[in-house]
Amino acid sequence: MKISIALLLGVLLTMLSGCGDEESGDKLDYEPSSEAINEITTIDELPSFLSEGLSPEEKTELREQIIPGSTDEDGQTPNERFQALLEDAKAGDPIAQNGLGVMYYTGEAVSKTETGEILDHDPELAAGWFYRSAEQGYADAQFNLGLMHANGEGVEQNMDQAVALFKKAADQGHVDAQNNLGALYYLGEGITRDEDKAIKWFEKAAAQGNEEAQANLEAIKAAKSQ
C-alpha cells in the first residue's frame, strides 16, 4: 500500500500565496544561519564573458534566451521583483519571507558561497527565511520548513520537527500539511503510529479536494478489506 507525502519542490512552487495569521507557539530548535542576511540580488543581466563583443541587439536576443520572461505584466525585471520582496521580508512580512525562501530554494534568487561560487539554489538560505515566516505562524512557511526537515535539506533531518511544523500548518487548514501529517501518523515516523488520527487528517485533506489524501484513504480501506 502506498501512502503519499507531498514532494518538496512541486509544492514549494505554489507557496507564494496563502494565509496563516495565528502566532506560532514554542520556538523551533532550528536557528537560521547568519548567512541569511548576506543575500545578493537575482541575476537579470548577462555575465560579461557571455556578452563581450555582442551588439545591443544580440545581447537582447541572448538575454531573452537565457533569462526568458525577463519582465512581467507589471514591467518589473526579476531583480526588481526580488528587491521588492526582499524589502518586505526584511521588514518582517511573513508572506514575503516565505516567498523569498521559495526563490532561494528554486534558484530564482541567486546566492554565493564565501569563495564566490554561484549556487544553483540555496536550501540553507531558503530554510532561514521559511523559519522567520514560520515563527510568525504563516502556514505555508511552516509546511515548507517541515518538508525541509523531513527531507534533511537545508536543515538537519528531524522528523519530530517535521511533525510539529505540519501540525501547526494543518491546524490552520493547510491541505498538504494535513495529508502529510496523516501519512506520518500512518507510518509512525516522528510520532507514535495512530491509524485513527491518520484517517482523520486524510479525511480533512480529502474534504478540501486533495487527491493524494483521497488515494491514501482508499488504500487504507482496501488494506482493511483484505
Protein backbone atom coordinates (compact mmCIF):
# COMPACT_ATOMS: atom_id res chain seq x y z
CA MET A 1 0.00 0.00 0.00
CA LYS A 2 1.34 3.40 -0.95
CA ILE A 3 0.86 6.38 1.37
CA SER A 4 1.76 9.68 -0.26
CA ILE A 5 3.76 12.57 1.18
CA ALA A 6 3.87 15.74 -0.90
CA LEU A 7 7.16 16.34 -2.71
CA LEU A 8 9.08 19.41 -1.64
CA LEU A 9 9.86 21.17 -4.91
CA GLY A 10 6.50 20.70 -6.52
CA VAL A 11 4.72 22.14 -3.52
CA LEU A 12 7.16 24.95 -2.89
CA LEU A 13 6.40 26.40 -6.28
CA THR A 14 2.83 27.03 -5.11
CA MET A 15 3.69 28.56 -1.78
CA LEU A 16 3.90 32.23 -2.75
CA SER A 17 0.37 32.89 -1.53
CA GLY A 18 -1.93 31.68 1.23
CA CYS A 19 -2.93 32.62 4.71
CA GLY A 20 -1.66 32.00 8.21
CA ASP A 21 -2.47 34.59 10.80
CA GLU A 22 -2.01 32.67 14.04
CA GLU A 23 1.07 33.30 16.11
CA SER A 24 3.33 30.27 16.45
CA GLY A 25 3.90 28.62 19.80
CA ASP A 26 7.16 27.22 21.11
CA LYS A 27 10.28 28.37 19.30
CA LEU A 28 11.76 25.82 16.93
CA ASP A 29 15.17 24.32 17.58
CA TYR A 30 16.47 25.43 14.18
CA GLU A 31 18.06 28.86 14.08
CA PRO A 32 18.67 30.49 10.68
CA SER A 33 22.28 30.85 9.65
CA SER A 34 23.95 34.23 9.87
CA GLU A 35 24.34 33.87 6.11
CA ALA A 36 20.63 34.71 5.84
CA ILE A 37 21.47 38.39 5.86
CA ASN A 38 24.10 38.15 3.12
CA GLU A 39 21.82 37.89 0.10
CA ILE A 40 22.78 39.12 -3.31
CA THR A 41 20.23 40.03 -5.92
CA THR A 42 18.90 37.91 -8.72
CA ILE A 43 20.87 37.97 -11.94
CA ASP A 44 18.93 39.72 -14.66
CA GLU A 45 21.91 40.85 -16.72
CA LEU A 46 24.18 38.75 -18.90
CA PRO A 47 27.58 37.82 -17.44
CA SER A 48 30.34 39.85 -19.08
CA PHE A 49 32.06 36.79 -20.51
CA LEU A 50 28.88 35.96 -22.45
CA SER A 51 28.06 39.44 -23.67
CA GLU A 52 31.53 40.60 -24.64
CA GLY A 53 31.68 41.66 -28.27
CA LEU A 54 27.94 41.41 -28.89
CA SER A 55 25.85 44.19 -30.36
CA PRO A 56 22.97 45.57 -28.24
CA GLU A 57 20.51 43.63 -30.40
CA GLU A 58 22.48 40.40 -29.98
CA LYS A 59 22.69 40.97 -26.23
CA THR A 60 18.93 41.44 -26.07
CA GLU A 61 18.30 38.25 -28.03
CA LEU A 62 20.76 36.21 -25.96
CA ARG A 63 19.44 37.66 -22.72
CA GLU A 64 15.90 36.60 -23.60
CA GLN A 65 17.11 33.08 -24.38
CA ILE A 66 19.00 32.76 -21.10
CA ILE A 67 16.58 34.73 -18.94
CA PRO A 68 13.16 34.15 -20.54
CA GLY A 69 10.32 36.31 -19.32
CA SER A 70 12.74 38.99 -18.22
CA THR A 71 9.85 41.34 -17.48
CA ASP A 72 6.39 40.56 -16.16
CA GLU A 73 3.00 42.15 -16.68
CA ASP A 74 3.95 45.00 -14.36
CA GLY A 75 7.11 45.71 -16.34
CA GLN A 76 9.33 44.52 -13.50
CA THR A 77 12.52 42.58 -14.08
CA PRO A 78 13.28 39.54 -11.89
CA ASN A 79 15.75 41.68 -9.98
CA GLU A 80 13.14 44.37 -9.31
CA ARG A 81 10.64 41.78 -8.11
CA PHE A 82 13.30 40.27 -5.90
CA GLN A 83 14.31 43.61 -4.39
CA ALA A 84 10.69 44.46 -3.58
CA LEU A 85 10.19 41.06 -1.95
CA LEU A 86 13.46 41.35 -0.03
CA GLU A 87 12.49 44.77 1.33
CA ASP A 88 9.16 43.43 2.59
CA ALA A 89 10.79 40.31 4.01
CA LYS A 90 13.36 42.28 5.96
CA ALA A 91 10.54 44.45 7.30
CA GLY A 92 9.01 41.30 8.78
CA ASP A 93 6.28 40.41 6.28
CA PRO A 94 5.78 36.62 6.65
CA ILE A 95 4.33 36.21 3.15
CA ALA A 96 7.36 37.93 1.64
CA GLN A 97 9.72 35.92 3.84
CA ASN A 98 8.14 32.69 2.66
CA GLY A 99 8.22 33.87 -0.94
CA LEU A 100 11.88 34.75 -0.63
CA GLY A 101 12.56 31.28 0.74
CA VAL A 102 10.87 29.82 -2.32
CA MET A 103 13.04 31.94 -4.62
CA TYR A 104 16.24 30.81 -2.90
CA TYR A 105 15.13 27.18 -2.91
CA THR A 106 14.26 27.13 -6.60
CA GLY A 107 17.27 29.20 -7.64
CA GLU A 108 15.25 32.15 -8.91
CA ALA A 109 17.19 34.21 -6.39
CA VAL A 110 20.93 33.72 -6.58
CA SER A 111 23.37 33.42 -3.71
CA LYS A 112 27.10 32.78 -3.47
CA THR A 113 29.41 30.83 -1.20
CA GLU A 114 32.14 32.62 0.76
CA THR A 115 34.54 31.77 -2.07
CA GLY A 116 32.27 33.44 -4.62
CA GLU A 117 30.81 30.28 -6.16
CA ILE A 118 27.29 30.89 -7.51
CA LEU A 119 24.82 28.32 -6.20
CA ASP A 120 22.11 26.79 -8.39
CA HIS A 121 19.85 27.00 -5.37
CA ASP A 122 20.39 27.63 -1.68
CA PRO A 123 18.30 25.43 0.63
CA GLU A 124 20.02 26.70 3.76
CA LEU A 125 19.16 30.31 3.00
CA ALA A 126 15.67 29.21 1.98
CA ALA A 127 15.23 27.45 5.31
CA GLY A 128 16.32 30.59 7.15
CA TRP A 129 13.58 32.63 5.51
CA PHE A 130 10.99 29.88 5.97
CA TYR A 131 11.94 29.81 9.65
CA ARG A 132 11.38 33.54 10.07
CA SER A 133 7.98 33.28 8.43
CA ALA A 134 7.00 30.10 10.26
CA GLU A 135 7.78 31.72 13.61
CA GLN A 136 5.08 34.26 12.81
CA GLY A 137 2.56 31.46 12.30
CA TYR A 138 2.46 31.53 8.50
CA ALA A 139 1.12 28.12 7.46
CA ASP A 140 2.82 27.91 4.06
CA ALA A 141 6.22 28.52 5.62
CA GLN A 142 5.54 26.03 8.42
CA PHE A 143 4.71 23.45 5.77
CA ASN A 144 7.78 24.27 3.66
CA LEU A 145 10.15 24.14 6.64
CA GLY A 146 8.50 20.92 7.76
CA LEU A 147 9.25 19.37 4.38
CA MET A 148 12.85 20.51 4.58
CA HIS A 149 13.19 18.87 7.99
CA ALA A 150 11.55 15.71 6.64
CA ASN A 151 13.95 15.62 3.69
CA GLY A 152 17.03 16.81 5.58
CA GLU A 153 17.55 19.58 3.06
CA GLY A 154 18.92 22.92 4.23
CA VAL A 155 18.50 21.74 7.82
CA GLU A 156 19.20 18.51 9.66
CA GLN A 157 16.68 15.77 9.04
CA ASN A 158 14.37 15.78 12.02
CA MET A 159 11.03 14.03 11.76
CA ASP A 160 9.91 15.32 15.16
CA GLN A 161 10.29 18.87 13.87
CA ALA A 162 8.60 17.94 10.62
CA VAL A 163 5.59 16.60 12.50
CA ALA A 164 5.42 19.67 14.76
CA LEU A 165 5.51 22.03 11.79
CA PHE A 166 3.00 20.03 9.75
CA LYS A 167 0.69 20.02 12.77
CA LYS A 168 0.82 23.81 13.10
CA ALA A 169 0.07 24.26 9.40
CA ALA A 170 -2.58 21.53 9.37
CA ASP A 171 -4.40 23.14 12.30
CA GLN A 172 -4.74 26.26 10.12
CA GLY A 173 -6.31 24.21 7.33
CA HIS A 174 -3.24 23.76 5.14
CA VAL A 175 -4.36 20.87 2.95
CA ASP A 176 -0.94 19.43 2.03
CA ALA A 177 0.16 19.60 5.65
CA GLN A 178 -2.97 17.71 6.63
CA ASN A 179 -2.18 14.96 4.12
CA ASN A 180 1.45 14.78 5.19
CA LEU A 181 0.53 14.69 8.87
CA GLY A 182 -1.84 11.84 8.12
CA ALA A 183 0.93 10.00 6.30
CA LEU A 184 3.34 10.39 9.22
CA TYR A 185 0.72 9.21 11.69
CA TYR A 186 0.06 6.19 9.49
CA LEU A 187 3.75 5.39 9.03
CA GLY A 188 4.68 6.19 12.62
CA GLU A 189 7.54 8.48 11.58
CA GLY A 190 8.34 11.26 14.04
CA ILE A 191 5.25 10.37 16.04
CA THR A 192 3.57 7.33 17.58
CA ARG A 193 1.72 5.41 14.91
CA ASP A 194 -2.00 6.05 15.10
CA GLU A 195 -4.17 4.91 12.20
CA ASP A 196 -7.28 6.64 13.51
CA LYS A 197 -5.51 10.01 13.60
CA ALA A 198 -4.04 9.31 10.18
CA ILE A 199 -7.52 8.75 8.79
CA LYS A 200 -8.79 11.91 10.50
CA TRP A 201 -6.16 14.07 8.80
CA PHE A 202 -6.59 12.32 5.46
CA GLU A 203 -10.31 12.99 5.68
CA LYS A 204 -9.72 16.68 6.41
CA ALA A 205 -7.43 16.98 3.40
CA ALA A 206 -9.71 14.93 1.18
CA ALA A 207 -12.63 17.16 2.10
CA GLN A 208 -10.64 20.02 0.56
CA GLY A 209 -10.17 18.05 -2.65
CA ASN A 210 -6.66 16.72 -2.04
CA GLU A 211 -6.27 13.78 -4.42
CA GLU A 212 -3.34 12.25 -2.53
CA ALA A 213 -5.36 12.16 0.68
CA GLN A 214 -8.28 10.59 -1.17
CA ALA A 215 -5.94 7.94 -2.57
CA ASN A 216 -4.50 7.33 0.90
CA LEU A 217 -7.99 6.76 2.34
CA GLU A 218 -8.79 4.34 -0.47
CA ALA A 219 -5.53 2.49 0.15
CA ILE A 220 -6.31 2.12 3.85
CA LYS A 221 -9.84 0.94 3.07
CA ALA A 222 -8.53 -1.60 0.56
CA ALA A 223 -6.00 -2.92 3.07
CA LYS A 224 -8.69 -3.40 5.71
CA SER A 225 -10.91 -5.32 3.32
CA GLN A 226 -8.22 -7.88 2.52
